[in-house]
């Protein structure tokens, strides 16, 4: 096996078309309790865009390999890593801001973070589900503790996180309300949403109030959307936000309904992936892949996620944008 690998490095903060360079880097070696994985697919997330723009300069030293999603095949194990063998198909969320990222042909990770890939998913599909799936599980199950019969509002139901959140909330037995453009209403109801509200056609708050409010709000937008969340909450409702916000919020409305707030910075873990995998196996969850881009075209993937010209004027694709590191193998189940 070669001692080098192809990877995409972030060489400067700024626009996608000047920020990245494809380079040959040393192939990493697994240490104690670690596995070396041949990355077949990864994906691009909003965190990658923020990092590329320079929002996390204090966390990232250039040059750096970004990315946190992996679906691939174990090729080597380190001392004491007995949970997996070469040839095992795996998926995992790499630690955020800790070591080399996943825009590369190989990646080393602690075996405790790794799970076996669901057999019914291709590597592209699995890579598109990792970070968003773990995020949604942590938000709705571990933090909001959604119960059957509750009403959940998912903002941005056609997006990468929202499309998974709609399905997970429905699988938990909740009544699901989501915001989405009118053109996406058939899509989100097909995922399991009971009510779809066109946020671009007017204020969503009165419409949600007509339903009697909601028990849980999953905020994927931030800003004014987060600030107004308590306006649609039932008494003792919960707000879960996955968005970092520098501005303070007006919490008087939250106080009035005894609201609980959770802010989620996702953490990797095998148990979460195994739970998500069970939903996949039970046909209650399917990843939504809006586009697949080769590793060498990371800039195009970032432009698509930003809704730029690479999106051919249609804005962001529905669901996730996956990166095929090895295109033929990544498409196989």
C-alpha atoms as a PDB file:
ATOM      1  CA  UNK A   1       0.000   0.000   0.000  1.00  0.00           C
ATOM      2  CA  UNK A   2       1.265   3.468  -0.858  1.00  0.00           C
ATOM      3  CA  UNK A   3       2.580   5.618   1.964  1.00  0.00           C
ATOM      4  CA  UNK A   4       0.857   8.712   0.542  1.00  0.00           C
ATOM      5  CA  UNK A   5      -2.743   9.702  -0.142  1.00  0.00           C
ATOM      6  CA  UNK A   6      -4.706  12.302  -2.041  1.00  0.00           C
ATOM      7  CA  UNK A   7      -6.426  14.920   0.106  1.00  0.00           C
ATOM      8  CA  UNK A   8      -7.990  18.352  -0.213  1.00  0.00           C
ATOM      9  CA  UNK A   9      -6.465  20.963   2.076  1.00  0.00           C
ATOM     10  CA  UNK A  10      -7.870  24.303   3.143  1.00  0.00           C
ATOM     11  CA  UNK A  11      -4.907  26.572   2.357  1.00  0.00           C
ATOM     12  CA  UNK A  12      -6.519  29.962   2.996  1.00  0.00           C
ATOM     13  CA  UNK A  13      -9.720  31.292   4.511  1.00  0.00           C
ATOM     14  CA  UNK A  14     -12.173  32.865   2.081  1.00  0.00           C
ATOM     15  CA  UNK A  15     -14.089  32.018  -1.087  1.00  0.00           C
ATOM     16  CA  UNK A  16     -14.460  28.375  -2.074  1.00  0.00           C
ATOM     17  CA  UNK A  17     -12.800  28.783  -5.483  1.00  0.00           C
ATOM     18  CA  UNK A  18      -9.492  29.955  -3.953  1.00  0.00           C
ATOM     19  CA  UNK A  19      -9.494  28.266  -0.546  1.00  0.00           C
ATOM     20  CA  UNK A  20      -8.651  24.656  -1.436  1.00  0.00           C
ATOM     21  CA  UNK A  21      -5.783  22.708  -2.984  1.00  0.00           C
ATOM     22  CA  UNK A  22      -5.572  19.010  -3.911  1.00  0.00           C
ATOM     23  CA  UNK A  23      -2.344  17.589  -2.511  1.00  0.00           C
ATOM     24  CA  UNK A  24      -0.452  14.378  -1.782  1.00  0.00           C
ATOM     25  CA  UNK A  25      -0.092  13.906   1.965  1.00  0.00           C
ATOM     26  CA  UNK A  26       1.417  11.131   4.098  1.00  0.00           C
ATOM     27  CA  UNK A  27      -1.031   8.301   4.717  1.00  0.00           C
ATOM     28  CA  UNK A  28      -1.807   8.160   8.460  1.00  0.00           C
ATOM     29  CA  UNK A  29      -1.095   5.049  10.538  1.00  0.00           C
ATOM     30  CA  UNK A  30      -3.394   3.717  13.275  1.00  0.00           C
ATOM     31  CA  UNK A  31      -2.209   3.946  16.865  1.00  0.00           C
ATOM     32  CA  UNK A  32      -3.377   1.915  19.871  1.00  0.00           C
ATOM     33  CA  UNK A  33      -7.147   1.392  19.795  1.00  0.00           C
ATOM     34  CA  UNK A  34      -7.443   2.978  16.348  1.00  0.00           C
ATOM     35  CA  UNK A  35      -8.400   1.844  12.855  1.00  0.00           C
ATOM     36  CA  UNK A  36      -7.260   3.104   9.470  1.00  0.00           C
ATOM     37  CA  UNK A  37     -10.200   3.530   7.092  1.00  0.00           C
ATOM     38  CA  UNK A  38     -10.145   3.904   3.332  1.00  0.00           C
ATOM     39  CA  UNK A  39     -12.640   6.720   2.875  1.00  0.00           C
ATOM     40  CA  UNK A  40     -15.085   5.947   0.074  1.00  0.00           C
ATOM     41  CA  UNK A  41     -17.427   8.867   0.721  1.00  0.00           C
ATOM     42  CA  UNK A  42     -17.724  11.912   2.942  1.00  0.00           C
ATOM     43  CA  UNK A  43     -19.957  14.990   2.772  1.00  0.00           C
ATOM     44  CA  UNK A  44     -19.996  18.754   3.149  1.00  0.00           C
ATOM     45  CA  UNK A  45     -21.763  20.447   6.061  1.00  0.00           C
ATOM     46  CA  UNK A  46     -22.497  24.043   7.089  1.00  0.00           C
ATOM     47  CA  UNK A  47     -19.698  23.730   9.656  1.00  0.00           C
ATOM     48  CA  UNK A  48     -17.274  23.275   6.745  1.00  0.00           C
ATOM     49  CA  UNK A  49     -18.503  26.494   5.131  1.00  0.00           C
ATOM     50  CA  UNK A  50     -18.090  28.409   8.378  1.00  0.00           C
ATOM     51  CA  UNK A  51     -14.616  26.997   8.879  1.00  0.00           C
ATOM     52  CA  UNK A  52     -13.590  27.828   5.313  1.00  0.00           C
ATOM     53  CA  UNK A  53     -14.824  31.407   5.707  1.00  0.00           C
ATOM     54  CA  UNK A  54     -12.693  31.830   8.833  1.00  0.00           C
ATOM     55  CA  UNK A  55     -15.356  31.715  11.548  1.00  0.00           C
ATOM     56  CA  UNK A  56     -13.225  29.271  13.562  1.00  0.00           C
ATOM     57  CA  UNK A  57      -9.725  30.634  12.946  1.00  0.00           C
ATOM     58  CA  UNK A  58      -8.757  29.956  16.535  1.00  0.00           C
ATOM     59  CA  UNK A  59      -9.672  26.271  16.160  1.00  0.00           C
ATOM     60  CA  UNK A  60      -8.078  25.524  12.774  1.00  0.00           C
ATOM     61  CA  UNK A  61      -4.416  25.920  11.848  1.00  0.00           C
ATOM     62  CA  UNK A  62      -3.748  26.134   8.104  1.00  0.00           C
ATOM     63  CA  UNK A  63      -3.215  24.119   6.034  1.00  0.00           C
ATOM     64  CA  UNK A  64      -5.976  21.818   7.241  1.00  0.00           C
ATOM     65  CA  UNK A  65      -8.083  18.949   5.914  1.00  0.00           C
ATOM     66  CA  UNK A  66     -11.753  19.605   6.697  1.00  0.00           C
ATOM     67  CA  UNK A  67     -14.684  17.176   6.891  1.00  0.00           C
ATOM     68  CA  UNK A  68     -16.213  14.959   9.573  1.00  0.00           C
ATOM     69  CA  UNK A  69     -18.353  12.305   7.824  1.00  0.00           C
ATOM     70  CA  UNK A  70     -16.906   8.932   6.817  1.00  0.00           C
ATOM     71  CA  UNK A  71     -18.234   5.848   5.142  1.00  0.00           C
ATOM     72  CA  UNK A  72     -15.560   3.421   4.064  1.00  0.00           C
ATOM     73  CA  UNK A  73     -13.633   0.210   4.630  1.00  0.00           C
ATOM     74  CA  UNK A  74     -11.210  -0.706   7.411  1.00  0.00           C
ATOM     75  CA  UNK A  75      -7.767  -1.456   5.936  1.00  0.00           C
ATOM     76  CA  UNK A  76      -5.584  -1.674   9.051  1.00  0.00           C
ATOM     77  CA  UNK A  77      -6.009  -1.883  12.809  1.00  0.00           C
ATOM     78  CA  UNK A  78      -3.739  -0.619  15.565  1.00  0.00           C
ATOM     79  CA  UNK A  79      -2.680  -2.461  18.727  1.00  0.00           C
ATOM     80  CA  UNK A  80      -5.679  -3.332  20.887  1.00  0.00           C
ATOM     81  CA  UNK A  81      -8.243  -2.441  18.214  1.00  0.00           C
ATOM     82  CA  UNK A  82     -10.078  -5.746  18.086  1.00  0.00           C
ATOM     83  CA  UNK A  83     -13.614  -4.578  17.342  1.00  0.00           C
ATOM     84  CA  UNK A  84     -13.013  -4.461  13.578  1.00  0.00           C
ATOM     85  CA  UNK A  85     -11.064  -6.336  10.946  1.00  0.00           C
ATOM     86  CA  UNK A  86      -9.701  -5.268   7.556  1.00  0.00           C
ATOM     87  CA  UNK A  87     -12.529  -5.385   5.033  1.00  0.00           C
ATOM     88  CA  UNK A  88     -15.269  -4.292   7.473  1.00  0.00           C
ATOM     89  CA  UNK A  89     -17.555  -1.608   6.036  1.00  0.00           C
ATOM     90  CA  UNK A  90     -17.960   1.170   8.585  1.00  0.00           C
ATOM     91  CA  UNK A  91     -19.313   4.663   9.107  1.00  0.00           C
ATOM     92  CA  UNK A  92     -18.559   7.268  11.743  1.00  0.00           C
ATOM     93  CA  UNK A  93     -18.422  10.915  12.737  1.00  0.00           C
ATOM     94  CA  UNK A  94     -14.848  12.138  13.121  1.00  0.00           C
ATOM     95  CA  UNK A  95     -14.163  14.404  16.132  1.00  0.00           C
ATOM     96  CA  UNK A  96     -14.689  18.061  15.296  1.00  0.00           C
ATOM     97  CA  UNK A  97     -11.625  20.328  15.353  1.00  0.00           C
ATOM     98  CA  UNK A  98      -9.405  17.407  16.353  1.00  0.00           C
ATOM     99  CA  UNK A  99      -6.829  16.134  13.887  1.00  0.00           C
ATOM    100  CA  UNK A 100      -7.080  15.499  10.168  1.00  0.00           C
ATOM    101  CA  UNK A 101     -10.525  15.757   8.599  1.00  0.00           C
ATOM    102  CA  UNK A 102     -12.183  13.488   6.070  1.00  0.00           C
ATOM    103  CA  UNK A 103     -11.639  15.221   2.705  1.00  0.00           C
ATOM    104  CA  UNK A 104      -9.011  12.544   2.079  1.00  0.00           C
ATOM    105  CA  UNK A 105      -8.498   9.000   0.819  1.00  0.00           C
ATOM    106  CA  UNK A 106      -7.627   7.644   4.283  1.00  0.00           C
ATOM    107  CA  UNK A 107      -8.538   8.556   7.858  1.00  0.00           C
ATOM    108  CA  UNK A 108      -7.524   7.284  11.293  1.00  0.00           C
ATOM    109  CA  UNK A 109     -10.047   7.170  14.143  1.00  0.00           C
ATOM    110  CA  UNK A 110     -10.539   5.638  17.586  1.00  0.00           C
ATOM    111  CA  UNK A 111     -12.469   2.394  17.133  1.00  0.00           C
ATOM    112  CA  UNK A 112     -14.902   3.401  19.917  1.00  0.00           C
ATOM    113  CA  UNK A 113     -16.415   6.004  17.550  1.00  0.00           C
ATOM    114  CA  UNK A 114     -16.945   3.565  14.674  1.00  0.00           C
ATOM    115  CA  UNK A 115     -20.035   1.505  13.802  1.00  0.00           C
ATOM    116  CA  UNK A 116     -20.772  -0.985  11.067  1.00  0.00           C
ATOM    117  CA  UNK A 117     -22.441   0.610   8.061  1.00  0.00           C
ATOM    118  CA  UNK A 118     -26.096  -0.379   7.518  1.00  0.00           C
ATOM    119  CA  UNK A 119     -26.070  -2.888   4.677  1.00  0.00           C
ATOM    120  CA  UNK A 120     -28.996  -1.264   2.879  1.00  0.00           C
ATOM    121  CA  UNK A 121     -27.119   2.045   2.452  1.00  0.00           C
ATOM    122  CA  UNK A 122     -24.503   2.819  -0.170  1.00  0.00           C
ATOM    123  CA  UNK A 123     -21.377   4.540   1.086  1.00  0.00           C
ATOM    124  CA  UNK A 124     -22.585   7.817  -0.436  1.00  0.00           C
ATOM    125  CA  UNK A 125     -25.884   7.518   1.421  1.00  0.00           C
ATOM    126  CA  UNK A 126     -24.175   6.557   4.677  1.00  0.00           C
ATOM    127  CA  UNK A 127     -21.728   9.463   4.499  1.00  0.00           C
ATOM    128  CA  UNK A 128     -24.628  11.828   3.910  1.00  0.00           C
ATOM    129  CA  UNK A 129     -26.373  10.597   7.034  1.00  0.00           C
ATOM    130  CA  UNK A 130     -23.590  10.534   9.611  1.00  0.00           C
ATOM    131  CA  UNK A 131     -23.274  14.058  11.030  1.00  0.00           C
ATOM    132  CA  UNK A 132     -26.875  15.064  10.416  1.00  0.00           C
ATOM    133  CA  UNK A 133     -28.171  11.794  11.819  1.00  0.00           C
ATOM    134  CA  UNK A 134     -26.096  12.036  14.992  1.00  0.00           C
ATOM    135  CA  UNK A 135     -27.093  15.700  15.362  1.00  0.00           C
ATOM    136  CA  UNK A 136     -30.804  14.953  15.054  1.00  0.00           C
ATOM    137  CA  UNK A 137     -30.614  11.975  17.403  1.00  0.00           C
ATOM    138  CA  UNK A 138     -28.847  14.039  20.031  1.00  0.00           C
ATOM    139  CA  UNK A 139     -31.272  16.943  19.568  1.00  0.00           C
ATOM    140  CA  UNK A 140     -34.607  15.111  19.522  1.00  0.00           C
ATOM    141  CA  UNK A 141     -33.904  11.983  21.586  1.00  0.00           C
ATOM    142  CA  UNK A 142     -31.150  12.814  24.048  1.00  0.00           C
ATOM    143  CA  UNK A 143     -31.935  16.481  24.649  1.00  0.00           C
ATOM    144  CA  UNK A 144     -35.606  17.210  23.839  1.00  0.00           C
ATOM    145  CA  UNK A 145     -36.720  13.658  24.767  1.00  0.00           C
ATOM    146  CA  UNK A 146     -39.569  13.708  22.244  1.00  0.00           C
ATOM    147  CA  UNK A 147     -42.469  11.462  23.274  1.00  0.00           C
ATOM    148  CA  UNK A 148     -45.189   9.804  21.172  1.00  0.00           C
ATOM    149  CA  UNK A 149     -48.135  12.118  20.576  1.00  0.00           C
ATOM    150  CA  UNK A 150     -46.181  15.331  21.029  1.00  0.00           C
ATOM    151  CA  UNK A 151     -46.114  17.970  18.310  1.00  0.00           C
ATOM    152  CA  UNK A 152     -42.690  18.909  16.920  1.00  0.00           C
ATOM    153  CA  UNK A 153     -41.837  21.881  14.702  1.00  0.00           C
ATOM    154  CA  UNK A 154     -38.820  21.270  12.442  1.00  0.00           C
ATOM    155  CA  UNK A 155     -37.518  24.370  10.714  1.00  0.00           C
ATOM    156  CA  UNK A 156     -36.134  23.813   7.217  1.00  0.00           C
ATOM    157  CA  UNK A 157     -37.606  20.377   6.591  1.00  0.00           C
ATOM    158  CA  UNK A 158     -36.182  20.108   3.061  1.00  0.00           C
ATOM    159  CA  UNK A 159     -32.592  20.746   4.169  1.00  0.00           C
ATOM    160  CA  UNK A 160     -29.822  18.395   5.182  1.00  0.00           C
ATOM    161  CA  UNK A 161     -30.661  18.326   8.898  1.00  0.00           C
ATOM    162  CA  UNK A 162     -34.366  19.051   8.522  1.00  0.00           C
ATOM    163  CA  UNK A 163     -35.059  16.171   6.137  1.00  0.00           C
ATOM    164  CA  UNK A 164     -33.624  13.741   8.695  1.00  0.00           C
ATOM    165  CA  UNK A 165     -35.310  15.444  11.651  1.00  0.00           C
ATOM    166  CA  UNK A 166     -38.743  15.127  10.039  1.00  0.00           C
ATOM    167  CA  UNK A 167     -38.237  11.375   9.639  1.00  0.00           C
ATOM    168  CA  UNK A 168     -36.823  10.799  13.119  1.00  0.00           C
ATOM    169  CA  UNK A 169     -39.594  12.825  14.780  1.00  0.00           C
ATOM    170  CA  UNK A 170     -42.190  10.809  12.876  1.00  0.00           C
ATOM    171  CA  UNK A 171     -40.467   7.554  13.875  1.00  0.00           C
ATOM    172  CA  UNK A 172     -40.668   8.673  17.516  1.00  0.00           C
ATOM    173  CA  UNK A 173     -44.440   8.928  17.149  1.00  0.00           C
ATOM    174  CA  UNK A 174     -44.662  12.725  17.068  1.00  0.00           C
ATOM    175  CA  UNK A 175     -46.958  14.889  14.969  1.00  0.00           C
ATOM    176  CA  UNK A 176     -44.536  16.742  12.709  1.00  0.00           C
ATOM    177  CA  UNK A 177     -44.907  20.328  11.532  1.00  0.00           C
ATOM    178  CA  UNK A 178     -42.220  21.756   9.270  1.00  0.00           C
ATOM    179  CA  UNK A 179     -41.402  24.952   7.423  1.00  0.00           C
ATOM    180  CA  UNK A 180     -40.478  24.631   3.759  1.00  0.00           C
ATOM    181  CA  UNK A 181     -41.077  26.467   0.510  1.00  0.00           C
ATOM    182  CA  UNK A 182     -44.301  25.523  -1.267  1.00  0.00           C
ATOM    183  CA  UNK A 183     -42.376  23.673  -3.972  1.00  0.00           C
ATOM    184  CA  UNK A 184     -41.013  21.323  -1.286  1.00  0.00           C
ATOM    185  CA  UNK A 185     -44.289  20.535   0.495  1.00  0.00           C
ATOM    186  CA  UNK A 186     -44.920  17.254  -1.312  1.00  0.00           C
ATOM    187  CA  UNK A 187     -41.338  16.246  -0.588  1.00  0.00           C
ATOM    188  CA  UNK A 188     -41.478  16.918   3.180  1.00  0.00           C
ATOM    189  CA  UNK A 189     -44.892  15.310   3.615  1.00  0.00           C
ATOM    190  CA  UNK A 190     -43.468  12.282   1.834  1.00  0.00           C
ATOM    191  CA  UNK A 191     -40.807  12.157   4.542  1.00  0.00           C
ATOM    192  CA  UNK A 192     -43.462  12.077   7.260  1.00  0.00           C
ATOM    193  CA  UNK A 193     -44.433  15.685   7.953  1.00  0.00           C
ATOM    194  CA  UNK A 194     -48.101  16.093   8.893  1.00  0.00           C
ATOM    195  CA  UNK A 195     -48.212  19.837   8.224  1.00  0.00           C
ATOM    196  CA  UNK A 196     -45.984  21.913   5.924  1.00  0.00           C
ATOM    197  CA  UNK A 197     -45.929  25.719   6.172  1.00  0.00           C
ATOM    198  CA  UNK A 198     -44.511  27.956   3.457  1.00  0.00           C
ATOM    199  CA  UNK A 199     -42.226  30.285   5.426  1.00  0.00           C
ATOM    200  CA  UNK A 200     -41.631  32.447   2.340  1.00  0.00           C
ATOM    201  CA  UNK A 201     -45.338  33.279   1.969  1.00  0.00           C
ATOM    202  CA  UNK A 202     -45.809  34.977   5.333  1.00  0.00           C
ATOM    203  CA  UNK A 203     -45.369  34.664   9.067  1.00  0.00           C
ATOM    204  CA  UNK A 204     -45.340  31.018  10.172  1.00  0.00           C
ATOM    205  CA  UNK A 205     -46.133  31.815  13.820  1.00  0.00           C
ATOM    206  CA  UNK A 206     -49.914  32.386  13.487  1.00  0.00           C
ATOM    207  CA  UNK A 207     -50.276  29.183  11.482  1.00  0.00           C
ATOM    208  CA  UNK A 208     -48.504  27.141  14.160  1.00  0.00           C
ATOM    209  CA  UNK A 209     -50.583  28.777  16.861  1.00  0.00           C
ATOM    210  CA  UNK A 210     -53.733  27.750  15.006  1.00  0.00           C
ATOM    211  CA  UNK A 211     -52.588  24.160  15.466  1.00  0.00           C
ATOM    212  CA  UNK A 212     -52.361  24.697  19.209  1.00  0.00           C
ATOM    213  CA  UNK A 213     -48.622  25.319  19.413  1.00  0.00           C
ATOM    214  CA  UNK A 214     -45.883  22.718  19.633  1.00  0.00           C
ATOM    215  CA  UNK A 215     -44.100  20.819  22.373  1.00  0.00           C
ATOM    216  CA  UNK A 216     -40.687  20.952  20.716  1.00  0.00           C
ATOM    217  CA  UNK A 217     -39.008  23.312  18.259  1.00  0.00           C
ATOM    218  CA  UNK A 218     -35.913  22.153  16.374  1.00  0.00           C
ATOM    219  CA  UNK A 219     -34.149  25.291  15.167  1.00  0.00           C
ATOM    220  CA  UNK A 220     -31.809  24.813  12.206  1.00  0.00           C
ATOM    221  CA  UNK A 221     -31.804  28.485  11.176  1.00  0.00           C
ATOM    222  CA  UNK A 222     -30.941  30.717  14.148  1.00  0.00           C
ATOM    223  CA  UNK A 223     -31.442  34.476  14.235  1.00  0.00           C
ATOM    224  CA  UNK A 224     -35.052  35.630  14.251  1.00  0.00           C
ATOM    225  CA  UNK A 225     -36.286  32.040  13.919  1.00  0.00           C
ATOM    226  CA  UNK A 226     -34.686  31.114  17.219  1.00  0.00           C
ATOM    227  CA  UNK A 227     -35.796  34.350  18.877  1.00  0.00           C
ATOM    228  CA  UNK A 228     -39.430  33.666  17.970  1.00  0.00           C
ATOM    229  CA  UNK A 229     -39.448  29.995  18.934  1.00  0.00           C
ATOM    230  CA  UNK A 230     -41.153  30.531  22.315  1.00  0.00           C
ATOM    231  CA  UNK A 231     -44.055  32.249  20.541  1.00  0.00           C
ATOM    232  CA  UNK A 232     -45.174  28.851  19.212  1.00  0.00           C
ATOM    233  CA  UNK A 233     -44.442  26.732  22.290  1.00  0.00           C
ATOM    234  CA  UNK A 234     -47.023  25.064  24.460  1.00  0.00           C
ATOM    235  CA  UNK A 235     -46.468  25.357  28.211  1.00  0.00           C
ATOM    236  CA  UNK A 236     -43.248  23.620  29.317  1.00  0.00           C
ATOM    237  CA  UNK A 237     -42.139  23.217  25.720  1.00  0.00           C
ATOM    238  CA  UNK A 238     -38.547  22.686  24.629  1.00  0.00           C
ATOM    239  CA  UNK A 239     -36.388  24.461  22.086  1.00  0.00           C
ATOM    240  CA  UNK A 240     -33.371  22.703  20.613  1.00  0.00           C
ATOM    241  CA  UNK A 241     -30.999  24.753  18.455  1.00  0.00           C
ATOM    242  CA  UNK A 242     -28.037  23.511  16.464  1.00  0.00           C
ATOM    243  CA  UNK A 243     -27.017  27.039  15.436  1.00  0.00           C
ATOM    244  CA  UNK A 244     -24.337  29.105  17.125  1.00  0.00           C
ATOM    245  CA  UNK A 245     -25.520  32.653  17.807  1.00  0.00           C
ATOM    246  CA  UNK A 246     -23.412  35.601  18.987  1.00  0.00           C
ATOM    247  CA  UNK A 247     -26.433  37.761  19.768  1.00  0.00           C
ATOM    248  CA  UNK A 248     -28.336  37.454  23.063  1.00  0.00           C
ATOM    249  CA  UNK A 249     -31.949  36.348  22.842  1.00  0.00           C
ATOM    250  CA  UNK A 250     -35.037  37.984  24.297  1.00  0.00           C
ATOM    251  CA  UNK A 251     -36.175  35.242  26.645  1.00  0.00           C
ATOM    252  CA  UNK A 252     -39.234  36.927  28.160  1.00  0.00           C
ATOM    253  CA  UNK A 253     -41.552  34.912  25.908  1.00  0.00           C
ATOM    254  CA  UNK A 254     -39.691  31.730  26.890  1.00  0.00           C
ATOM    255  CA  UNK A 255     -40.099  32.560  30.577  1.00  0.00           C
ATOM    256  CA  UNK A 256     -43.851  33.017  30.088  1.00  0.00           C
ATOM    257  CA  UNK A 257     -44.285  29.411  28.891  1.00  0.00           C
ATOM    258  CA  UNK A 258     -41.748  27.764  31.212  1.00  0.00           C
ATOM    259  CA  UNK A 259     -39.592  26.849  28.232  1.00  0.00           C
ATOM    260  CA  UNK A 260     -36.436  24.749  28.330  1.00  0.00           C
ATOM    261  CA  UNK A 261     -33.605  25.500  25.877  1.00  0.00           C
ATOM    262  CA  UNK A 262     -30.952  23.096  24.613  1.00  0.00           C
ATOM    263  CA  UNK A 263     -28.014  24.138  22.447  1.00  0.00           C
ATOM    264  CA  UNK A 264     -26.375  21.224  20.672  1.00  0.00           C
ATOM    265  CA  UNK A 265     -22.743  21.016  19.579  1.00  0.00           C
ATOM    266  CA  UNK A 266     -22.760  17.462  18.353  1.00  0.00           C
ATOM    267  CA  UNK A 267     -20.428  14.815  19.756  1.00  0.00           C
ATOM    268  CA  UNK A 268     -19.502  11.550  17.998  1.00  0.00           C
ATOM    269  CA  UNK A 269     -20.381   8.146  19.346  1.00  0.00           C
ATOM    270  CA  UNK A 270     -21.009   4.569  18.245  1.00  0.00           C
ATOM    271  CA  UNK A 271     -24.281   4.148  20.185  1.00  0.00           C
ATOM    272  CA  UNK A 272     -25.948   7.014  18.316  1.00  0.00           C
ATOM    273  CA  UNK A 273     -24.942   5.576  14.953  1.00  0.00           C
ATOM    274  CA  UNK A 274     -26.235   2.152  15.928  1.00  0.00           C
ATOM    275  CA  UNK A 275     -29.594   3.689  16.926  1.00  0.00           C
ATOM    276  CA  UNK A 276     -29.791   5.561  13.638  1.00  0.00           C
ATOM    277  CA  UNK A 277     -28.834   2.385  11.787  1.00  0.00           C
ATOM    278  CA  UNK A 278     -31.746   0.539  13.404  1.00  0.00           C
ATOM    279  CA  UNK A 279     -34.166   3.141  12.024  1.00  0.00           C
ATOM    280  CA  UNK A 280     -32.609   2.612   8.591  1.00  0.00           C
ATOM    281  CA  UNK A 281     -32.990  -1.162   8.914  1.00  0.00           C
ATOM    282  CA  UNK A 282     -36.639  -0.717   9.961  1.00  0.00           C
ATOM    283  CA  UNK A 283     -37.268   1.443   6.865  1.00  0.00           C
ATOM    284  CA  UNK A 284     -38.151   4.445   9.064  1.00  0.00           C
ATOM    285  CA  UNK A 285     -35.235   6.595   7.922  1.00  0.00           C
ATOM    286  CA  UNK A 286     -33.593   7.188   4.588  1.00  0.00           C
ATOM    287  CA  UNK A 287     -30.859   9.674   3.748  1.00  0.00           C
ATOM    288  CA  UNK A 288     -31.679  12.378   1.233  1.00  0.00           C
ATOM    289  CA  UNK A 289     -28.771  13.004  -1.147  1.00  0.00           C
ATOM    290  CA  UNK A 290     -29.246  16.123  -3.236  1.00  0.00           C
ATOM    291  CA  UNK A 291     -25.933  15.968  -5.109  1.00  0.00           C
ATOM    292  CA  UNK A 292     -22.767  13.875  -5.343  1.00  0.00           C
ATOM    293  CA  UNK A 293     -19.477  15.627  -6.133  1.00  0.00           C
ATOM    294  CA  UNK A 294     -15.972  14.159  -6.702  1.00  0.00           C
ATOM    295  CA  UNK A 295     -13.281  14.811  -4.090  1.00  0.00           C
ATOM    296  CA  UNK A 296     -11.336  17.069  -6.447  1.00  0.00           C
ATOM    297  CA  UNK A 297     -14.378  19.371  -6.769  1.00  0.00           C
ATOM    298  CA  UNK A 298     -14.766  20.357  -3.106  1.00  0.00           C
ATOM    299  CA  UNK A 299     -15.179  23.983  -4.184  1.00  0.00           C
ATOM    300  CA  UNK A 300     -18.234  22.998  -6.248  1.00  0.00           C
ATOM    301  CA  UNK A 301     -19.713  21.158  -3.264  1.00  0.00           C
ATOM    302  CA  UNK A 302     -19.306  24.260  -1.096  1.00  0.00           C
ATOM    303  CA  UNK A 303     -20.896  26.426  -3.800  1.00  0.00           C
ATOM    304  CA  UNK A 304     -23.853  24.052  -4.020  1.00  0.00           C
ATOM    305  CA  UNK A 305     -24.394  24.160  -0.268  1.00  0.00           C
ATOM    306  CA  UNK A 306     -24.236  27.938  -0.351  1.00  0.00           C
ATOM    307  CA  UNK A 307     -26.823  27.976  -3.150  1.00  0.00           C
ATOM    308  CA  UNK A 308     -24.495  29.703  -5.584  1.00  0.00           C
ATOM    309  CA  UNK A 309     -24.053  29.474  -9.344  1.00  0.00           C
ATOM    310  CA  UNK A 310     -23.104  25.823  -9.171  1.00  0.00           C
ATOM    311  CA  UNK A 311     -26.711  25.185  -8.197  1.00  0.00           C
ATOM    312  CA  UNK A 312     -27.822  26.380 -11.639  1.00  0.00           C
ATOM    313  CA  UNK A 313     -29.991  29.081 -10.140  1.00  0.00           C
ATOM    314  CA  UNK A 314     -32.155  26.678  -8.169  1.00  0.00           C
ATOM    315  CA  UNK A 315     -30.562  27.294  -4.776  1.00  0.00           C
ATOM    316  CA  UNK A 316     -29.425  24.510  -2.496  1.00  0.00           C
ATOM    317  CA  UNK A 317     -30.257  20.920  -3.435  1.00  0.00           C
ATOM    318  CA  UNK A 318     -32.623  19.096  -1.123  1.00  0.00           C
ATOM    319  CA  UNK A 319     -30.915  17.089   1.571  1.00  0.00           C
ATOM    320  CA  UNK A 320     -27.160  16.512   1.730  1.00  0.00           C
ATOM    321  CA  UNK A 321     -24.274  17.053  -0.655  1.00  0.00           C
ATOM    322  CA  UNK A 322     -22.038  13.982  -0.630  1.00  0.00           C
ATOM    323  CA  UNK A 323     -18.400  13.724  -1.702  1.00  0.00           C
ATOM    324  CA  UNK A 324     -17.461  10.569  -3.601  1.00  0.00           C
ATOM    325  CA  UNK A 325     -13.787   9.938  -2.808  1.00  0.00           C
ATOM    326  CA  UNK A 326     -13.840   6.743  -4.876  1.00  0.00           C
ATOM    327  CA  UNK A 327     -16.970   7.237  -7.029  1.00  0.00           C
ATOM    328  CA  UNK A 328     -17.634   3.686  -8.238  1.00  0.00           C
ATOM    329  CA  UNK A 329     -17.142   2.016  -4.874  1.00  0.00           C
ATOM    330  CA  UNK A 330     -18.981   4.800  -3.039  1.00  0.00           C
ATOM    331  CA  UNK A 331     -22.131   4.112  -5.032  1.00  0.00           C
ATOM    332  CA  UNK A 332     -22.150   0.410  -4.138  1.00  0.00           C
ATOM    333  CA  UNK A 333     -24.017  -1.020  -1.165  1.00  0.00           C
END
